[in-house]
Amino acid sequence: MEIFNDDSKEFINAFVEEKISVLRENSDFNQKSIRLSDAMDELEKTLSESQKDLFDEIVKLFYQTEEYYFALSYSLGVKYGNNLHKL
């Protein structure tokens, strides 16, 4: 699909990142986001150097795959956005 090409994916990712403040207004999201960050920091402190390299790769891949989720979510929102008010 066209929406998953690098240019579209990067544009959508930047757009979503600009709007992240909307999520920051949700206390549950904030608590989970902070805990995730803290847990990652705690874990990284206990890892050997080779494990840290693997952990860094996992985190990098997580963020790279998240860009695809953002693109998919955006495209679904565009396609089905009018139906969201019915939820």
N, C-alpha and C. Protein backbone atom coordinates (compact mmCIF):
# COMPACT_ATOMS: atom_id res chain seq x y z
N MET A 1 0.83 -1.19 0.00
CA MET A 1 0.00 0.00 0.00
C MET A 1 0.88 1.25 0.00
N GLU A 2 0.39 2.24 -0.67
CA GLU A 2 1.10 3.52 -0.79
C GLU A 2 1.36 4.17 0.57
N ILE A 3 0.44 4.01 1.50
CA ILE A 3 0.55 4.69 2.80
C ILE A 3 1.73 4.17 3.62
N PHE A 4 2.21 2.99 3.30
CA PHE A 4 3.31 2.41 4.06
C PHE A 4 4.68 2.69 3.44
N ASN A 5 4.73 3.49 2.36
CA ASN A 5 6.05 3.83 1.82
C ASN A 5 6.74 4.78 2.79
N ASP A 6 8.05 4.91 2.67
CA ASP A 6 8.82 5.67 3.66
C ASP A 6 8.38 7.12 3.79
N ASP A 7 8.11 7.80 2.67
CA ASP A 7 7.72 9.21 2.75
C ASP A 7 6.39 9.39 3.47
N SER A 8 5.40 8.58 3.11
CA SER A 8 4.09 8.69 3.76
C SER A 8 4.17 8.31 5.23
N LYS A 9 4.89 7.23 5.50
CA LYS A 9 5.02 6.76 6.88
C LYS A 9 5.71 7.81 7.74
N GLU A 10 6.75 8.44 7.22
CA GLU A 10 7.45 9.47 7.98
C GLU A 10 6.57 10.70 8.20
N PHE A 11 5.81 11.09 7.19
CA PHE A 11 4.91 12.24 7.33
C PHE A 11 3.86 11.96 8.39
N ILE A 12 3.24 10.79 8.32
CA ILE A 12 2.20 10.43 9.29
C ILE A 12 2.78 10.34 10.68
N ASN A 13 3.98 9.74 10.81
CA ASN A 13 4.61 9.62 12.12
C ASN A 13 4.87 11.00 12.73
N ALA A 14 5.36 11.93 11.93
CA ALA A 14 5.61 13.29 12.41
C ALA A 14 4.30 13.96 12.84
N PHE A 15 3.25 13.74 12.06
CA PHE A 15 1.94 14.31 12.39
C PHE A 15 1.43 13.76 13.72
N VAL A 16 1.54 12.44 13.90
CA VAL A 16 1.08 11.81 15.14
C VAL A 16 1.91 12.32 16.32
N GLU A 17 3.22 12.42 16.14
CA GLU A 17 4.09 12.92 17.21
C GLU A 17 3.70 14.35 17.61
N GLU A 18 3.29 15.17 16.64
CA GLU A 18 2.83 16.53 16.95
C GLU A 18 1.58 16.52 17.82
N LYS A 19 0.76 15.49 17.67
CA LYS A 19 -0.52 15.41 18.38
C LYS A 19 -0.44 14.60 19.67
N ILE A 20 0.75 14.17 20.04
CA ILE A 20 0.90 13.30 21.21
C ILE A 20 0.42 14.00 22.50
N SER A 21 0.37 15.33 22.48
CA SER A 21 -0.11 16.06 23.66
C SER A 21 -1.54 15.69 24.02
N VAL A 22 -2.31 15.26 23.03
CA VAL A 22 -3.69 14.82 23.28
C VAL A 22 -3.67 13.59 24.20
N LEU A 23 -2.74 12.68 23.93
CA LEU A 23 -2.62 11.50 24.79
C LEU A 23 -2.10 11.87 26.18
N ARG A 24 -1.24 12.86 26.23
CA ARG A 24 -0.67 13.27 27.52
C ARG A 24 -1.74 13.80 28.47
N GLU A 25 -2.88 14.19 27.93
CA GLU A 25 -3.99 14.65 28.77
C GLU A 25 -4.69 13.48 29.48
N ASN A 26 -4.41 12.26 29.03
CA ASN A 26 -5.03 11.07 29.62
C ASN A 26 -4.11 10.53 30.71
N SER A 27 -4.58 10.52 31.95
CA SER A 27 -3.73 10.13 33.07
C SER A 27 -3.30 8.66 32.99
N ASP A 28 -4.17 7.78 32.50
CA ASP A 28 -3.80 6.37 32.37
C ASP A 28 -2.65 6.20 31.38
N PHE A 29 -2.74 6.89 30.25
CA PHE A 29 -1.65 6.85 29.27
C PHE A 29 -0.36 7.37 29.88
N ASN A 30 -0.45 8.51 30.56
CA ASN A 30 0.74 9.10 31.18
C ASN A 30 1.40 8.16 32.17
N GLN A 31 0.60 7.54 33.03
CA GLN A 31 1.15 6.61 34.02
C GLN A 31 1.85 5.44 33.34
N LYS A 32 1.23 4.89 32.32
CA LYS A 32 1.81 3.74 31.61
C LYS A 32 3.06 4.15 30.85
N SER A 33 3.04 5.31 30.24
CA SER A 33 4.19 5.80 29.50
C SER A 33 5.39 6.03 30.42
N ILE A 34 5.14 6.65 31.54
CA ILE A 34 6.21 6.89 32.51
C ILE A 34 6.74 5.58 33.07
N ARG A 35 5.84 4.65 33.39
CA ARG A 35 6.28 3.36 33.93
C ARG A 35 7.08 2.58 32.89
N LEU A 36 6.66 2.63 31.65
CA LEU A 36 7.41 1.95 30.59
C LEU A 36 8.82 2.51 30.50
N SER A 37 8.94 3.80 30.50
CA SER A 37 10.25 4.43 30.42
C SER A 37 11.12 4.07 31.63
N ASP A 38 10.52 4.13 32.82
CA ASP A 38 11.25 3.78 34.04
C ASP A 38 11.68 2.31 34.03
N ALA A 39 10.79 1.43 33.60
CA ALA A 39 11.09 -0.01 33.56
C ALA A 39 12.21 -0.29 32.57
N MET A 40 12.19 0.39 31.43
CA MET A 40 13.26 0.20 30.46
C MET A 40 14.60 0.66 31.03
N ASP A 41 14.60 1.79 31.73
CA ASP A 41 15.83 2.28 32.36
C ASP A 41 16.33 1.32 33.43
N GLU A 42 15.41 0.81 34.25
CA GLU A 42 15.79 -0.16 35.29
C GLU A 42 16.40 -1.42 34.68
N LEU A 43 15.74 -1.94 33.66
CA LEU A 43 16.23 -3.15 33.02
C LEU A 43 17.59 -2.94 32.39
N GLU A 44 17.75 -1.82 31.70
CA GLU A 44 19.02 -1.56 31.01
C GLU A 44 20.20 -1.52 31.98
N LYS A 45 19.97 -1.07 33.19
CA LYS A 45 21.04 -1.00 34.20
C LYS A 45 21.55 -2.38 34.59
N THR A 46 20.72 -3.40 34.43
CA THR A 46 21.10 -4.75 34.87
C THR A 46 21.70 -5.61 33.77
N LEU A 47 21.76 -5.07 32.55
CA LEU A 47 22.18 -5.88 31.41
C LEU A 47 23.68 -5.80 31.18
N SER A 48 24.21 -6.89 30.64
CA SER A 48 25.60 -6.88 30.19
C SER A 48 25.69 -6.03 28.91
N GLU A 49 26.89 -5.76 28.46
CA GLU A 49 27.06 -4.94 27.25
C GLU A 49 26.40 -5.58 26.03
N SER A 50 26.56 -6.89 25.86
CA SER A 50 25.94 -7.55 24.70
C SER A 50 24.42 -7.55 24.83
N GLN A 51 23.92 -7.69 26.05
CA GLN A 51 22.48 -7.63 26.26
C GLN A 51 21.95 -6.22 26.02
N LYS A 52 22.74 -5.21 26.39
CA LYS A 52 22.34 -3.82 26.14
C LYS A 52 22.24 -3.56 24.64
N ASP A 53 23.17 -4.11 23.88
CA ASP A 53 23.11 -3.95 22.42
C ASP A 53 21.84 -4.57 21.87
N LEU A 54 21.50 -5.77 22.35
CA LEU A 54 20.28 -6.43 21.90
C LEU A 54 19.05 -5.66 22.34
N PHE A 55 19.06 -5.19 23.57
CA PHE A 55 17.95 -4.39 24.09
C PHE A 55 17.77 -3.12 23.25
N ASP A 56 18.86 -2.44 22.93
CA ASP A 56 18.79 -1.24 22.10
C ASP A 56 18.21 -1.56 20.73
N GLU A 57 18.59 -2.70 20.16
CA GLU A 57 18.05 -3.11 18.87
C GLU A 57 16.55 -3.37 18.97
N ILE A 58 16.14 -4.03 20.04
CA ILE A 58 14.71 -4.32 20.25
C ILE A 58 13.92 -3.02 20.37
N VAL A 59 14.42 -2.07 21.14
CA VAL A 59 13.73 -0.79 21.32
C VAL A 59 13.65 -0.05 19.98
N LYS A 60 14.75 -0.03 19.23
CA LYS A 60 14.77 0.63 17.93
C LYS A 60 13.75 -0.02 16.99
N LEU A 61 13.71 -1.34 16.96
CA LEU A 61 12.75 -2.05 16.11
C LEU A 61 11.32 -1.79 16.55
N PHE A 62 11.12 -1.69 17.87
CA PHE A 62 9.79 -1.37 18.39
C PHE A 62 9.31 -0.03 17.84
N TYR A 63 10.17 0.98 17.91
CA TYR A 63 9.77 2.30 17.41
C TYR A 63 9.59 2.30 15.89
N GLN A 64 10.41 1.54 15.18
CA GLN A 64 10.26 1.47 13.73
C GLN A 64 8.95 0.78 13.34
N THR A 65 8.57 -0.28 14.04
CA THR A 65 7.30 -0.94 13.73
C THR A 65 6.12 -0.09 14.18
N GLU A 66 6.33 0.70 15.23
CA GLU A 66 5.27 1.59 15.69
C GLU A 66 4.88 2.59 14.60
N GLU A 67 5.83 2.99 13.77
CA GLU A 67 5.52 3.89 12.66
C GLU A 67 4.49 3.27 11.72
N TYR A 68 4.57 1.97 11.52
CA TYR A 68 3.58 1.29 10.68
C TYR A 68 2.21 1.29 11.35
N TYR A 69 2.19 1.09 12.67
CA TYR A 69 0.92 1.16 13.40
C TYR A 69 0.30 2.54 13.27
N PHE A 70 1.13 3.58 13.39
CA PHE A 70 0.63 4.95 13.24
C PHE A 70 0.02 5.15 11.86
N ALA A 71 0.73 4.67 10.83
CA ALA A 71 0.22 4.82 9.46
C ALA A 71 -1.09 4.07 9.28
N LEU A 72 -1.17 2.85 9.80
CA LEU A 72 -2.40 2.08 9.70
C LEU A 72 -3.53 2.76 10.46
N SER A 73 -3.26 3.22 11.66
CA SER A 73 -4.28 3.90 12.46
C SER A 73 -4.77 5.15 11.75
N TYR A 74 -3.85 5.91 11.20
CA TYR A 74 -4.22 7.11 10.47
C TYR A 74 -5.12 6.77 9.28
N SER A 75 -4.72 5.76 8.51
CA SER A 75 -5.51 5.41 7.34
C SER A 75 -6.89 4.89 7.73
N LEU A 76 -6.97 4.15 8.83
CA LEU A 76 -8.28 3.67 9.30
C LEU A 76 -9.13 4.83 9.79
N GLY A 77 -8.48 5.79 10.45
CA GLY A 77 -9.21 6.97 10.90
C GLY A 77 -9.77 7.77 9.76
N VAL A 78 -8.98 7.91 8.70
CA VAL A 78 -9.45 8.63 7.52
C VAL A 78 -10.62 7.88 6.88
N LYS A 79 -10.48 6.57 6.80
CA LYS A 79 -11.50 5.76 6.13
C LYS A 79 -12.79 5.64 6.96
N TYR A 80 -12.63 5.43 8.26
CA TYR A 80 -13.79 5.17 9.11
C TYR A 80 -14.06 6.27 10.13
N GLY A 81 -13.41 7.41 9.98
CA GLY A 81 -13.52 8.49 10.96
C GLY A 81 -14.94 8.91 11.25
N ASN A 82 -15.78 8.92 10.24
CA ASN A 82 -17.17 9.36 10.47
C ASN A 82 -17.92 8.38 11.35
N ASN A 83 -17.47 7.16 11.42
CA ASN A 83 -18.14 6.15 12.24
C ASN A 83 -17.70 6.19 13.71
N LEU A 84 -16.62 6.92 14.00
CA LEU A 84 -16.08 6.95 15.36
C LEU A 84 -17.06 7.56 16.37
N HIS A 85 -17.85 8.52 15.94
CA HIS A 85 -18.79 9.15 16.87
C HIS A 85 -19.88 8.19 17.33
N LYS A 86 -20.05 7.06 16.63
CA LYS A 86 -21.06 6.07 17.01
C LYS A 86 -20.60 5.14 18.12
N LEU A 87 -19.29 5.18 18.43
CA LEU A 87 -18.75 4.28 19.46
C LEU A 87 -19.15 4.67 20.85
